[in-house]
C-alpha atoms as a PDB file:
ATOM      1  CA  SER A   1      44.918 105.702 140.320  1.00  0.00           C
ATOM      2  CA  PRO A   2      43.295 103.166 137.864  1.00  0.00           C
ATOM      3  CA  THR A   3      46.227 103.626 135.188  1.00  0.00           C
ATOM      4  CA  ASP A   4      48.827 102.769 137.827  1.00  0.00           C
ATOM      5  CA  SER A   5      46.837  99.034 138.334  1.00  0.00           C
ATOM      6  CA  PRO A   6      48.222  96.484 136.095  1.00  0.00           C
ATOM      7  CA  VAL A   7      46.236  95.202 133.044  1.00  0.00           C
ATOM      8  CA  THR A   8      45.518  91.759 131.799  1.00  0.00           C
ATOM      9  CA  LEU A   9      45.845  90.918 128.486  1.00  0.00           C
ATOM     10  CA  LYS A  10      46.249  88.809 125.885  1.00  0.00           C
ATOM     11  CA  ILE A  11      48.924  88.679 122.666  1.00  0.00           C
ATOM     12  CA  LEU A  12      46.507  88.712 119.989  1.00  0.00           C
ATOM     13  CA  GLN A  13      47.064  86.201 117.249  1.00  0.00           C
ATOM     14  CA  ASN A  14      48.124  88.788 114.341  1.00  0.00           C
ATOM     15  CA  TRP A  15      50.135  86.681 112.549  1.00  0.00           C
ATOM     16  CA  VAL A  16      50.944  83.701 110.460  1.00  0.00           C
ATOM     17  CA  PRO A  17      53.440  81.053 110.951  1.00  0.00           C
ATOM     18  CA  LYS A  18      55.402  79.805 107.975  1.00  0.00           C
ATOM     19  CA  ILE A  19      57.917  76.898 108.277  1.00  0.00           C
ATOM     20  CA  SER A  20      60.763  76.498 106.317  1.00  0.00           C
ATOM     21  CA  HIS A  21      64.068  74.585 107.514  1.00  0.00           C
ATOM     22  CA  TYR A  22      66.311  77.165 108.087  1.00  0.00           C
ATOM     23  CA  PHE A  23      64.955  81.066 107.611  1.00  0.00           C
ATOM     24  CA  ASP A  24      61.682  81.976 108.696  1.00  0.00           C
ATOM     25  CA  LYS A  25      59.297  84.781 107.726  1.00  0.00           C
ATOM     26  CA  GLU A  26      56.939  85.974 109.770  1.00  0.00           C
ATOM     27  CA  HIS A  27      54.124  88.441 109.083  1.00  0.00           C
ATOM     28  CA  TYR A  28      52.862  91.184 111.600  1.00  0.00           C
ATOM     29  CA  THR A  29      50.535  93.902 111.416  1.00  0.00           C
ATOM     30  CA  TYR A  30      51.227  96.612 114.079  1.00  0.00           C
ATOM     31  CA  VAL A  31      50.223 100.658 113.927  1.00  0.00           C
ATOM     32  CA  GLY A  32      48.704  99.954 110.424  1.00  0.00           C
ATOM     33  CA  HIS A  33      51.582  98.739 109.150  1.00  0.00           C
ATOM     34  CA  GLN A  34      52.716  94.949 107.828  1.00  0.00           C
ATOM     35  CA  ILE A  35      55.777  93.908 109.113  1.00  0.00           C
ATOM     36  CA  VAL A  36      57.581  91.269 107.879  1.00  0.00           C
ATOM     37  CA  ILE A  37      60.547  89.444 110.014  1.00  0.00           C
ATOM     38  CA  GLN A  38      63.060  86.968 108.697  1.00  0.00           C
ATOM     39  CA  GLU A  39      64.273  84.942 111.605  1.00  0.00           C
ATOM     40  CA  SER A  40      66.689  82.579 111.714  1.00  0.00           C
ATOM     41  CA  ILE A  41      67.332  79.162 113.930  1.00  0.00           C
ATOM     42  CA  GLU A  42      70.947  79.637 114.297  1.00  0.00           C
ATOM     43  CA  HIS A  43      70.548  82.421 117.043  1.00  0.00           C
ATOM     44  CA  PHE A  44      68.638  83.119 120.019  1.00  0.00           C
ATOM     45  CA  GLY A  45      68.256  86.615 119.226  1.00  0.00           C
ATOM     46  CA  ALA A  46      67.171  85.880 115.699  1.00  0.00           C
ATOM     47  CA  VAL A  47      63.674  84.711 116.618  1.00  0.00           C
ATOM     48  CA  VAL A  48      60.416  86.583 117.543  1.00  0.00           C
ATOM     49  CA  TRP A  49      59.759  85.938 121.191  1.00  0.00           C
ATOM     50  CA  PRO A  50      56.825  86.400 123.315  1.00  0.00           C
ATOM     51  CA  GLY A  51      58.156  89.726 125.399  1.00  0.00           C
ATOM     52  CA  ALA A  52      58.586  91.550 121.809  1.00  0.00           C
ATOM     53  CA  LEU A  53      55.419  90.440 120.765  1.00  0.00           C
ATOM     54  CA  ALA A  54      53.633  91.837 124.060  1.00  0.00           C
ATOM     55  CA  LEU A  55      55.516  94.766 124.415  1.00  0.00           C
ATOM     56  CA  SER A  56      54.874  95.846 120.529  1.00  0.00           C
ATOM     57  CA  GLN A  57      51.391  95.133 121.101  1.00  0.00           C
ATOM     58  CA  TYR A  58      51.286  97.711 124.252  1.00  0.00           C
ATOM     59  CA  LEU A  59      53.494 100.197 122.586  1.00  0.00           C
ATOM     60  CA  GLU A  60      50.898 100.430 119.920  1.00  0.00           C
ATOM     61  CA  SER A  61      47.875 100.280 121.984  1.00  0.00           C
ATOM     62  CA  ASN A  62      49.201 102.846 124.983  1.00  0.00           C
ATOM     63  CA  GLN A  63      50.334 106.097 122.626  1.00  0.00           C
ATOM     64  CA  GLU A  64      49.154 108.383 124.913  1.00  0.00           C
ATOM     65  CA  ARG A  65      50.547 107.022 128.016  1.00  0.00           C
ATOM     66  CA  PHE A  66      54.103 106.654 126.206  1.00  0.00           C
ATOM     67  CA  ASN A  67      54.256 108.678 123.224  1.00  0.00           C
ATOM     68  CA  LEU A  68      57.133 108.194 121.564  1.00  0.00           C
ATOM     69  CA  LYS A  69      56.936 110.579 118.923  1.00  0.00           C
ATOM     70  CA  ASP A  70      60.202 112.330 118.071  1.00  0.00           C
ATOM     71  CA  LYS A  71      61.476 110.653 121.628  1.00  0.00           C
ATOM     72  CA  LYS A  72      65.041 108.627 121.493  1.00  0.00           C
ATOM     73  CA  VAL A  73      64.562 104.796 121.928  1.00  0.00           C
ATOM     74  CA  LEU A  74      67.324 102.583 122.509  1.00  0.00           C
ATOM     75  CA  GLU A  75      66.628  98.781 122.122  1.00  0.00           C
ATOM     76  CA  ILE A  76      68.595  96.303 124.242  1.00  0.00           C
ATOM     77  CA  GLY A  77      68.810  93.115 123.224  1.00  0.00           C
ATOM     78  CA  ALA A  78      66.742  94.123 119.820  1.00  0.00           C
ATOM     79  CA  GLY A  79      66.830  90.055 118.059  1.00  0.00           C
ATOM     80  CA  THR A  80      64.945  90.413 114.980  1.00  0.00           C
ATOM     81  CA  GLY A  81      64.146  94.100 115.501  1.00  0.00           C
ATOM     82  CA  LEU A  82      60.244  93.830 115.686  1.00  0.00           C
ATOM     83  CA  VAL A  83      59.896  95.961 118.726  1.00  0.00           C
ATOM     84  CA  SER A  84      62.162  98.747 117.126  1.00  0.00           C
ATOM     85  CA  ILE A  85      60.672  98.765 114.162  1.00  0.00           C
ATOM     86  CA  VAL A  86      57.182  99.384 115.863  1.00  0.00           C
ATOM     87  CA  ALA A  87      58.862 102.440 117.741  1.00  0.00           C
ATOM     88  CA  CYS A  88      60.424 103.882 114.302  1.00  0.00           C
ATOM     89  CA  ILE A  89      56.815 103.321 113.167  1.00  0.00           C
ATOM     90  CA  LEU A  90      55.222 105.264 116.358  1.00  0.00           C
ATOM     91  CA  GLY A  91      58.319 108.052 115.459  1.00  0.00           C
ATOM     92  CA  ALA A  92      60.981 107.376 117.289  1.00  0.00           C
ATOM     93  CA  TYR A  93      64.900 108.113 116.540  1.00  0.00           C
ATOM     94  CA  VAL A  94      65.558 104.570 117.476  1.00  0.00           C
ATOM     95  CA  THR A  95      68.944 102.573 117.708  1.00  0.00           C
ATOM     96  CA  ALA A  96      68.542  99.101 118.016  1.00  0.00           C
ATOM     97  CA  THR A  97      71.594  97.005 119.744  1.00  0.00           C
ATOM     98  CA  ASP A  98      72.700  93.571 120.001  1.00  0.00           C
ATOM     99  CA  LEU A  99      75.429  91.248 119.656  1.00  0.00           C
ATOM    100  CA  PRO A 100      77.460  91.154 116.390  1.00  0.00           C
ATOM    101  CA  GLU A 101      76.306  87.785 115.420  1.00  0.00           C
ATOM    102  CA  VAL A 102      72.600  88.920 115.325  1.00  0.00           C
ATOM    103  CA  LEU A 103      73.358  92.472 113.644  1.00  0.00           C
ATOM    104  CA  GLU A 104      73.211  91.553 110.234  1.00  0.00           C
ATOM    105  CA  ASN A 105      69.747  89.976 109.996  1.00  0.00           C
ATOM    106  CA  LEU A 106      68.491  92.777 112.565  1.00  0.00           C
ATOM    107  CA  SER A 107      69.541  95.485 109.882  1.00  0.00           C
ATOM    108  CA  PHE A 108      68.033  93.706 107.229  1.00  0.00           C
ATOM    109  CA  ASN A 109      64.630  93.459 109.230  1.00  0.00           C
ATOM    110  CA  ILE A 110      64.648  97.221 110.319  1.00  0.00           C
ATOM    111  CA  SER A 111      66.107  98.141 107.028  1.00  0.00           C
ATOM    112  CA  LYS A 112      63.411  96.022 105.028  1.00  0.00           C
ATOM    113  CA  ASN A 113      60.661  97.527 107.274  1.00  0.00           C
ATOM    114  CA  THR A 114      61.350 101.226 107.953  1.00  0.00           C
ATOM    115  CA  ARG A 115      62.309 102.318 104.467  1.00  0.00           C
ATOM    116  CA  ASP A 116      60.151 105.068 103.221  1.00  0.00           C
ATOM    117  CA  ILE A 117      57.770 104.774 106.302  1.00  0.00           C
ATOM    118  CA  THR A 118      59.222 106.391 109.103  1.00  0.00           C
ATOM    119  CA  MET A 119      60.214 110.074 110.013  1.00  0.00           C
ATOM    120  CA  HIS A 120      63.493 109.104 111.359  1.00  0.00           C
ATOM    121  CA  LYS A 121      65.559 106.434 110.356  1.00  0.00           C
ATOM    122  CA  PRO A 122      66.607 103.782 112.536  1.00  0.00           C
ATOM    123  CA  GLU A 123      70.345 103.236 113.634  1.00  0.00           C
ATOM    124  CA  VAL A 124      71.733  99.749 114.386  1.00  0.00           C
ATOM    125  CA  ARG A 125      74.811  98.991 116.493  1.00  0.00           C
ATOM    126  CA  LYS A 126      76.717  96.292 118.357  1.00  0.00           C
ATOM    127  CA  LEU A 127      75.712  96.245 122.308  1.00  0.00           C
ATOM    128  CA  VAL A 128      77.452  93.585 124.562  1.00  0.00           C
ATOM    129  CA  TRP A 129      76.160  93.831 127.953  1.00  0.00           C
ATOM    130  CA  GLY A 130      78.006  95.356 130.460  1.00  0.00           C
ATOM    131  CA  GLU A 131      81.077  96.111 127.919  1.00  0.00           C
ATOM    132  CA  GLY A 132      82.311  99.499 126.642  1.00  0.00           C
ATOM    133  CA  LEU A 133      79.278 101.230 127.550  1.00  0.00           C
ATOM    134  CA  SER A 134      81.042 104.847 128.491  1.00  0.00           C
ATOM    135  CA  GLU A 135      83.129 104.328 125.284  1.00  0.00           C
ATOM    136  CA  ASP A 136      80.533 103.639 122.998  1.00  0.00           C
ATOM    137  CA  PHE A 137      77.464 105.316 124.513  1.00  0.00           C
ATOM    138  CA  PRO A 138      79.103 107.992 126.338  1.00  0.00           C
ATOM    139  CA  VAL A 139      76.260 109.518 128.589  1.00  0.00           C
ATOM    140  CA  SER A 140      76.916 112.936 127.669  1.00  0.00           C
ATOM    141  CA  THR A 141      75.867 112.699 124.034  1.00  0.00           C
ATOM    142  CA  HIS A 142      73.805 109.316 124.219  1.00  0.00           C
ATOM    143  CA  ARG A 143      70.862 110.072 126.870  1.00  0.00           C
ATOM    144  CA  TYR A 144      67.582 108.015 125.825  1.00  0.00           C
ATOM    145  CA  ASP A 145      63.904 108.557 126.544  1.00  0.00           C
ATOM    146  CA  PHE A 146      63.276 105.140 126.664  1.00  0.00           C
ATOM    147  CA  ILE A 147      64.867 102.310 127.470  1.00  0.00           C
ATOM    148  CA  LEU A 148      63.281  99.351 125.683  1.00  0.00           C
ATOM    149  CA  ALA A 149      63.858  95.411 126.292  1.00  0.00           C
ATOM    150  CA  SER A 150      62.072  92.302 125.638  1.00  0.00           C
ATOM    151  CA  ASP A 151      63.085  88.699 126.699  1.00  0.00           C
ATOM    152  CA  VAL A 152      66.460  89.670 127.699  1.00  0.00           C
ATOM    153  CA  VAL A 153      65.833  87.809 130.796  1.00  0.00           C
ATOM    154  CA  TYR A 154      66.750  83.629 130.072  1.00  0.00           C
ATOM    155  CA  HIS A 155      68.825  80.966 131.201  1.00  0.00           C
ATOM    156  CA  HIS A 156      72.295  82.709 130.718  1.00  0.00           C
ATOM    157  CA  THR A 157      75.445  83.695 132.528  1.00  0.00           C
ATOM    158  CA  ALA A 158      74.654  87.632 131.221  1.00  0.00           C
ATOM    159  CA  LEU A 159      72.271  88.727 133.818  1.00  0.00           C
ATOM    160  CA  GLU A 160      74.932  90.605 136.049  1.00  0.00           C
ATOM    161  CA  ALA A 161      75.856  92.334 132.712  1.00  0.00           C
ATOM    162  CA  LEU A 162      72.640  92.955 131.698  1.00  0.00           C
ATOM    163  CA  LEU A 163      71.405  94.639 134.829  1.00  0.00           C
ATOM    164  CA  ALA A 164      74.381  96.756 134.952  1.00  0.00           C
ATOM    165  CA  THR A 165      73.687  97.685 131.107  1.00  0.00           C
ATOM    166  CA  MET A 166      69.982  98.898 131.990  1.00  0.00           C
ATOM    167  CA  GLU A 167      71.651 100.685 135.321  1.00  0.00           C
ATOM    168  CA  TYR A 168      73.839 102.604 132.976  1.00  0.00           C
ATOM    169  CA  PHE A 169      71.265 103.797 130.399  1.00  0.00           C
ATOM    170  CA  CYS A 170      68.547 104.704 133.038  1.00  0.00           C
ATOM    171  CA  GLN A 171      69.229 108.340 133.782  1.00  0.00           C
ATOM    172  CA  PRO A 172      67.014 110.634 135.111  1.00  0.00           C
ATOM    173  CA  GLY A 173      63.714 111.149 133.004  1.00  0.00           C
ATOM    174  CA  THR A 174      64.549 107.961 131.049  1.00  0.00           C
ATOM    175  CA  VAL A 175      61.649 105.004 131.172  1.00  0.00           C
ATOM    176  CA  LEU A 176      62.784 101.447 130.744  1.00  0.00           C
ATOM    177  CA  LEU A 177      60.035  99.162 129.445  1.00  0.00           C
ATOM    178  CA  TRP A 178      60.626  95.701 130.159  1.00  0.00           C
ATOM    179  CA  ALA A 179      58.506  92.657 128.809  1.00  0.00           C
ATOM    180  CA  ASN A 180      59.751  89.010 129.695  1.00  0.00           C
ATOM    181  CA  LYS A 181      58.232  85.541 129.351  1.00  0.00           C
ATOM    182  CA  PHE A 182      58.663  84.127 133.020  1.00  0.00           C
ATOM    183  CA  ARG A 183      60.583  80.620 132.554  1.00  0.00           C
ATOM    184  CA  PHE A 184      62.926  79.960 135.535  1.00  0.00           C
ATOM    185  CA  SER A 185      63.412  80.824 138.984  1.00  0.00           C
ATOM    186  CA  THR A 186      66.688  82.856 137.807  1.00  0.00           C
ATOM    187  CA  ASP A 187      63.840  85.156 136.161  1.00  0.00           C
ATOM    188  CA  TYR A 188      61.967  85.981 139.564  1.00  0.00           C
ATOM    189  CA  GLU A 189      65.613  86.740 141.175  1.00  0.00           C
ATOM    190  CA  PHE A 190      66.403  88.985 138.365  1.00  0.00           C
ATOM    191  CA  LEU A 191      63.033  90.786 138.790  1.00  0.00           C
ATOM    192  CA  GLU A 192      63.767  91.139 142.481  1.00  0.00           C
ATOM    193  CA  LYS A 193      67.135  92.804 141.669  1.00  0.00           C
ATOM    194  CA  VAL A 194      65.379  94.903 139.121  1.00  0.00           C
ATOM    195  CA  THR A 195      62.598  96.123 142.013  1.00  0.00           C
ATOM    196  CA  ASN A 196      65.616  96.521 144.566  1.00  0.00           C
ATOM    197  CA  ILE A 197      67.197  98.975 142.422  1.00  0.00           C
ATOM    198  CA  PHE A 198      64.581 100.748 140.399  1.00  0.00           C
ATOM    199  CA  ASP A 199      60.958 102.292 141.074  1.00  0.00           C
ATOM    200  CA  THR A 200      59.300  99.742 139.378  1.00  0.00           C
ATOM    201  CA  THR A 201      55.776  99.639 138.386  1.00  0.00           C
ATOM    202  CA  LEU A 202      54.243  96.253 136.819  1.00  0.00           C
ATOM    203  CA  LEU A 203      51.873  97.398 133.677  1.00  0.00           C
ATOM    204  CA  ALA A 204      50.564  94.367 132.020  1.00  0.00           C
ATOM    205  CA  GLU A 205      50.504  90.680 132.944  1.00  0.00           C
ATOM    206  CA  PHE A 206      49.865  87.994 129.964  1.00  0.00           C
ATOM    207  CA  PRO A 207      49.302  85.287 131.873  1.00  0.00           C
ATOM    208  CA  GLU A 208      48.227  82.734 128.731  1.00  0.00           C
ATOM    209  CA  SER A 209      52.285  83.550 127.694  1.00  0.00           C
ATOM    210  CA  ASN A 210      53.523  84.071 131.221  1.00  0.00           C
ATOM    211  CA  VAL A 211      54.908  87.369 129.939  1.00  0.00           C
ATOM    212  CA  LYS A 212      54.799  90.434 132.411  1.00  0.00           C
ATOM    213  CA  LEU A 213      55.545  93.953 131.164  1.00  0.00           C
ATOM    214  CA  LEU A 214      57.069  96.516 133.651  1.00  0.00           C
ATOM    215  CA  LYS A 215      57.964  99.992 133.718  1.00  0.00           C
ATOM    216  CA  ALA A 216      61.126 100.754 135.496  1.00  0.00           C
ATOM    217  CA  THR A 217      62.787 104.201 136.074  1.00  0.00           C
ATOM    218  CA  MET A 218      65.676 105.740 138.290  1.00  0.00           C
ATOM    219  CA  ARG A 219      65.136 105.729 141.834  1.00  0.00           C
ATOM    220  CA  LYS A 220      64.912 109.044 143.325  1.00  0.00           C
ATOM    221  CA  ASN A 221      67.261 109.555 146.595  1.00  0.00           C
END
């Protein structure tokens, strides 16, 4: 059907870059709200990457296909929190996760941009891929409708742990939405592993940014 065919999109230039030597504040508009993101050049996770823009834009434009209202949403590698903020504005119960050193900036951005405008108060938690998953996020009490991930795959050594984390959280009925800028051969190798484990659909491509947006679900036996 037409809805199963990937669409070709362009990341909309809906922000004004501002330059500073340490912190940047980027201004975005999604779902009718201005979002101000504080960035830090000290950590990979504290910069807004193209995948986050692509996923935020897609969630805003495809609310009927992926209705987040009152859904339980987990973002892994939340970084600056942009995608989690957009999911909050769309009405989700959001848990944003990342490494400990990123959480202060992540919490600041999410709190500042969701206070008094979202239905459900978001949660920010530490999540080191592949570590302590069953202890910190037991499946019996931590089941999610959506897993969101953007630009979590780049030239790093944690890809096996990332894949294990995606596999752990993708329970029956869970939808993983993953947007990534494809830079290296290792990115495509990771994509191949994802398609071997999950039922995977390419939802959209952003050719100018080399970003692909995929939907993955647990493979039915």
